[in-house]
Protein backbone atom coordinates (compact mmCIF):
# COMPACT_ATOMS: atom_id res chain seq x y z
CA MET A 1 -98.61 44.64 38.97
CA ASN A 2 -96.97 47.70 40.30
CA ALA A 3 -95.91 50.88 38.47
CA ALA A 4 -92.19 49.48 38.64
CA SER A 5 -92.92 46.48 36.92
CA LEU A 6 -95.21 47.92 34.03
CA ASP A 7 -91.96 49.98 33.63
CA ALA A 8 -89.52 47.05 33.44
CA ILE A 9 -92.11 45.45 30.98
CA ALA A 10 -91.76 48.75 28.64
CA ALA A 11 -88.14 48.44 29.24
CA THR A 12 -87.77 45.19 27.12
CA GLY A 13 -89.63 46.92 24.28
CA ARG A 14 -92.80 44.23 25.06
CA ASP A 15 -95.24 47.30 25.40
CA TRP A 16 -94.32 48.96 22.17
CA SER A 17 -96.66 49.93 19.65
CA MET A 18 -95.63 49.91 15.92
CA PHE A 19 -97.22 52.06 12.96
CA ALA A 20 -96.64 50.19 9.66
CA GLY A 21 -96.54 52.34 7.04
CA GLY A 22 -95.84 50.29 3.89
CA GLU A 23 -98.96 51.71 2.02
CA LYS A 24 -99.82 55.26 1.26
CA ASP A 25 -102.96 55.21 2.69
CA ASP A 26 -101.49 54.42 6.02
CA TRP A 27 -100.63 58.14 5.95
CA TRP A 28 -102.01 61.60 5.50
CA GLY A 29 -100.95 63.74 2.57
CA LEU A 30 -98.16 66.48 3.65
CA PRO A 31 -99.56 69.70 1.87
CA ALA A 32 -96.79 71.49 0.03
CA PRO A 33 -95.78 75.09 1.47
CA ARG A 34 -96.58 78.21 0.27
CA TYR A 35 -93.38 78.89 -1.37
CA CYS A 36 -92.75 75.66 -3.36
CA GLU A 37 -91.31 75.70 -6.70
CA GLY A 38 -92.45 72.23 -8.03
CA THR A 39 -95.39 69.52 -7.67
CA PHE A 40 -95.34 66.19 -5.94
CA ASP A 41 -97.20 62.96 -6.73
CA LEU A 42 -97.64 59.75 -4.63
CA SER A 43 -98.20 56.20 -6.12
CA MET A 44 -97.91 52.70 -5.26
CA ASN A 45 -95.60 50.21 -6.93
CA SER A 46 -94.00 46.96 -6.83
CA THR A 47 -90.47 45.36 -7.14
CA ASP A 48 -89.83 42.50 -9.73
CA ASP A 49 -90.13 40.16 -6.50
CA GLY A 50 -93.64 41.54 -5.52
CA VAL A 51 -92.49 43.70 -2.75
CA ARG A 52 -94.93 46.83 -2.67
CA TYR A 53 -93.28 50.37 -1.99
CA ILE A 54 -94.59 53.90 -1.86
CA GLU A 55 -92.98 56.25 -4.76
CA LEU A 56 -92.80 59.92 -4.17
CA THR A 57 -91.94 62.05 -7.11
CA THR A 58 -91.37 65.84 -6.92
CA THR A 59 -90.74 68.32 -9.69
CA GLY A 60 -88.97 71.09 -7.85
CA GLU A 61 -87.65 72.34 -4.56
CA THR A 62 -90.41 71.57 -1.92
CA ASN A 63 -89.39 73.61 1.01
CA HIS A 64 -89.85 70.79 3.25
CA GLY A 65 -93.24 69.63 2.22
CA GLY A 66 -95.22 67.80 -0.33
CA GLY A 67 -95.11 64.30 0.87
CA LEU A 68 -96.47 62.29 3.71
CA VAL A 69 -96.88 62.33 7.31
CA LYS A 70 -98.40 60.28 10.10
CA ARG A 71 -99.62 62.06 13.22
CA PHE A 72 -99.62 60.33 16.49
CA ASN A 73 -101.92 60.69 19.26
CA ASP A 74 -100.63 61.57 22.59
CA SER A 75 -103.87 62.14 24.69
CA ASP A 76 -103.04 59.28 26.79
CA GLY A 77 -99.38 60.50 27.71
CA LEU A 78 -96.54 61.82 26.18
CA LEU A 79 -95.05 59.13 23.66
CA CYS A 80 -91.48 58.48 22.99
CA VAL A 81 -90.09 57.30 19.59
CA ARG A 82 -88.26 53.89 20.31
CA ARG A 83 -87.16 52.87 16.89
CA VAL A 84 -87.83 53.64 12.90
CA ARG A 85 -86.84 51.00 10.47
CA TYR A 86 -87.56 51.22 6.65
CA ARG A 87 -86.33 50.53 3.14
CA PHE A 88 -85.54 53.39 0.80
CA ARG A 89 -84.08 54.30 -2.81
CA PHE A 90 -83.87 57.77 -4.34
CA SER A 91 -83.04 59.21 -7.88
CA ASP A 92 -82.17 62.46 -8.62
CA SER A 93 -84.04 64.62 -11.24
CA THR A 94 -81.76 67.68 -11.11
CA THR A 95 -79.76 68.53 -13.86
CA HIS A 96 -77.02 71.01 -12.41
CA HIS A 97 -75.93 72.03 -9.10
CA THR A 98 -77.74 75.40 -7.68
CA HIS A 99 -76.95 77.82 -4.87
CA PHE A 100 -79.63 75.84 -3.04
CA ASP A 101 -78.37 72.53 -0.94
CA LEU A 102 -80.02 69.27 -3.07
CA ALA A 103 -81.59 66.97 -0.65
CA PHE A 104 -83.58 63.92 -1.23
CA ALA A 105 -85.59 60.78 0.60
CA TYR A 106 -86.12 62.74 4.06
CA CYS A 107 -87.42 60.63 6.97
CA CYS A 108 -87.81 62.59 10.09
CA MET A 109 -89.57 63.01 13.21
CA ASP A 110 -91.05 66.24 14.08
CA SER A 111 -91.61 67.16 17.84
CA ALA A 112 -93.24 70.38 17.28
CA PRO A 113 -97.19 70.70 17.24
CA GLU A 114 -97.07 73.07 14.19
CA ASN A 115 -94.75 72.84 11.06
CA ASP A 116 -91.53 73.72 12.71
CA PHE A 117 -88.67 72.19 10.64
CA ALA A 118 -85.92 73.63 13.32
CA ARG A 119 -87.13 70.81 15.94
CA THR A 120 -86.62 67.69 13.79
CA ASP A 121 -84.53 64.67 13.89
CA GLY A 122 -84.17 62.03 11.25
CA VAL A 123 -82.04 61.55 8.16
CA PHE A 124 -82.02 62.27 4.35
CA VAL A 125 -79.94 62.09 1.34
CA ALA A 126 -77.70 64.89 0.35
CA ARG A 127 -75.82 65.55 -3.22
CA THR A 128 -72.21 66.46 -2.54
CA ASP A 129 -69.37 67.58 -5.33
CA THR A 130 -68.53 63.75 -5.63
CA GLY A 131 -71.84 61.97 -5.20
CA TYR A 132 -74.54 61.35 -2.56
CA GLU A 133 -74.41 60.68 1.43
CA LEU A 134 -77.06 59.48 3.95
CA ARG A 135 -76.84 62.26 6.54
CA CYS A 136 -78.29 62.78 10.02
CA LEU A 137 -80.85 65.48 10.68
CA TYR A 138 -80.73 67.10 14.14
CA PHE A 139 -81.11 70.38 16.01
CA ILE A 140 -78.82 72.42 18.27
CA GLU A 141 -80.06 75.28 20.27
CA ASP A 142 -77.11 77.72 19.36
CA ASP A 143 -78.09 79.46 15.87
CA ASP A 144 -74.46 81.01 15.81
CA GLU A 145 -72.74 77.59 16.17
CA ASP A 146 -71.44 75.80 13.11
CA ILE A 147 -73.28 72.49 12.49
CA ASP A 148 -71.26 69.60 11.08
CA ASP A 149 -72.58 67.25 8.75
CA ILE A 150 -72.77 63.83 10.45
CA VAL A 151 -72.43 61.29 7.60
CA VAL A 152 -73.86 57.76 7.95
CA MET A 153 -72.25 56.45 4.53
CA PRO A 154 -72.18 57.04 0.71
CA VAL A 155 -75.11 56.14 -1.13
CA GLU A 156 -76.12 55.68 -4.87
CA PRO A 157 -79.17 56.32 -6.85
CA ASP A 158 -81.56 53.79 -7.66
CA THR A 159 -80.30 51.17 -5.18
CA TRP A 160 -82.56 49.75 -2.29
CA TYR A 161 -80.86 50.71 1.31
CA ASP A 162 -82.15 49.40 4.89
CA VAL A 163 -82.40 51.88 7.55
CA GLU A 164 -82.93 51.59 11.28
CA MET A 165 -82.79 54.69 14.02
CA SER A 166 -82.73 53.63 17.65
CA PHE A 167 -83.22 56.26 20.40
CA ALA A 168 -81.76 56.03 23.73
CA TRP A 169 -84.30 57.10 26.37
CA HIS A 170 -83.11 54.92 29.24
CA LYS A 171 -80.11 57.04 30.43
CA ASP A 172 -80.77 60.61 31.53
CA ASP A 173 -77.76 61.93 29.77
CA ALA A 174 -78.28 60.08 26.53
CA ARG A 175 -79.10 62.75 24.17
CA TRP A 176 -77.95 60.66 21.26
CA ALA A 177 -79.71 58.65 18.60
CA ARG A 178 -78.26 55.61 16.27
CA VAL A 179 -78.91 55.36 12.69
CA THR A 180 -77.60 52.34 10.80
CA CYS A 181 -77.44 51.76 6.97
CA LYS A 182 -77.11 48.71 5.15
CA GLY A 183 -76.80 48.38 1.18
CA GLU A 184 -75.51 46.04 -1.34
CA GLU A 185 -71.97 47.37 -1.06
CA GLY A 186 -71.43 47.98 2.45
CA SER A 187 -73.01 49.38 5.52
CA GLY A 188 -72.41 52.43 7.99
CA SER A 189 -73.62 53.79 11.51
CA ALA A 190 -73.33 56.93 13.11
CA HIS A 191 -74.90 58.83 16.38
CA PHE A 192 -76.57 62.21 16.19
CA PRO A 193 -77.93 64.39 19.10
CA CYS A 194 -81.53 63.58 19.41
CA GLN A 195 -83.74 66.02 21.04
CA ARG A 196 -85.38 63.89 23.23
CA LEU A 197 -88.87 65.60 22.70
CA PRO A 198 -92.61 63.92 22.41
CA LEU A 199 -93.09 62.20 19.06
CA ARG A 200 -96.07 64.11 17.38
CA THR A 201 -95.50 63.15 13.58
CA VAL A 202 -93.39 61.30 11.12
CA LYS A 203 -92.64 62.72 7.70
CA LEU A 204 -91.43 61.60 4.45
CA TYR A 205 -90.89 63.91 1.78
CA ASN A 206 -88.49 65.06 -1.09
CA TYR A 207 -86.47 68.83 -1.01
CA SER A 208 -85.25 68.56 -4.45
CA ALA A 209 -86.57 67.32 -7.71
CA GLY A 210 -86.30 63.76 -7.57
CA VAL A 211 -88.08 60.20 -6.77
CA ALA A 212 -87.76 58.88 -3.13
CA CYS A 213 -89.66 55.22 -2.65
CA TYR A 214 -90.25 53.80 0.66
CA SER A 215 -90.96 50.51 1.88
CA ALA A 216 -91.38 48.28 4.96
CA MET A 217 -92.09 51.43 6.94
CA GLU A 218 -92.11 50.68 10.90
CA VAL A 219 -92.35 53.34 13.65
CA TRP A 220 -92.12 51.71 17.05
CA TYR A 221 -93.18 54.04 20.10
CA SER A 222 -94.54 54.06 23.64
CA PRO A 223 -95.57 56.29 26.43
CA HIS A 224 -92.76 58.04 28.50
CA THR A 225 -91.97 55.68 31.77
CA SER A 226 -89.82 56.53 34.90
CA ARG A 227 -87.17 54.54 33.47
CA ASP A 228 -86.81 56.90 30.41
CA GLY A 229 -84.44 60.38 30.90
CA ARG A 230 -86.58 63.12 30.94
CA PHE A 231 -87.73 65.39 28.07
CA SER A 232 -85.94 68.21 26.98
CA ARG A 233 -86.39 71.50 28.14
CA HIS A 234 -89.36 72.80 25.58
CA PRO A 235 -92.29 75.42 25.95
CA ASP A 236 -94.75 72.73 24.59
CA LEU A 237 -93.97 70.97 28.16
CA GLY A 238 -94.68 73.94 30.09
CA GLU A 239 -90.79 74.91 30.60
CA GLU A 240 -88.88 77.69 29.46
């Protein structure tokens, strides 16, 4: 079978690998950064109908740490994240607004070899003046440019939601990912600018004091092929 045939198979998803992260032991611990105001705790629990889920409890601002991380080995080639699926719910333990943003239930893909939050794609829950929203987390190169919030849909505490993120690698100019969210009261979807960089880690954590629960986590990925668009320019890839 020639290289073109192998790439065609890859395009169908038949050669994708899946990381199933339904148990906390499937992950490594993500240490809290040095400047962290609270603590975090991890446990496994079950719903009333026996579905197991990871429960992450934080007591203060974590500065984007204090949770779980999955590291991917790209020694056989640069990996592309294809699809991410999971269920989540959250609760807010903060009692008042502060001058800091309040955010929960992060699920993000980090493309940098070290902890570089500026190069991260994914979703998280943000508290607003009127409630909570599932928002897209994405990176733009111009630090002076205003970043508009990309909202997937309003969400409520203590409610389970199904999330799917899909990534368009098959077009050279497709720097976009699509996220859909479904809950008991409705659904929403949005596109956001994806960095199109190699998959290195997936991270789960809260930014503020609260509880995030994750279930049925699936991360689908495979090596980059000739049918995929080029990676974005990045120093890690030998480009400036």
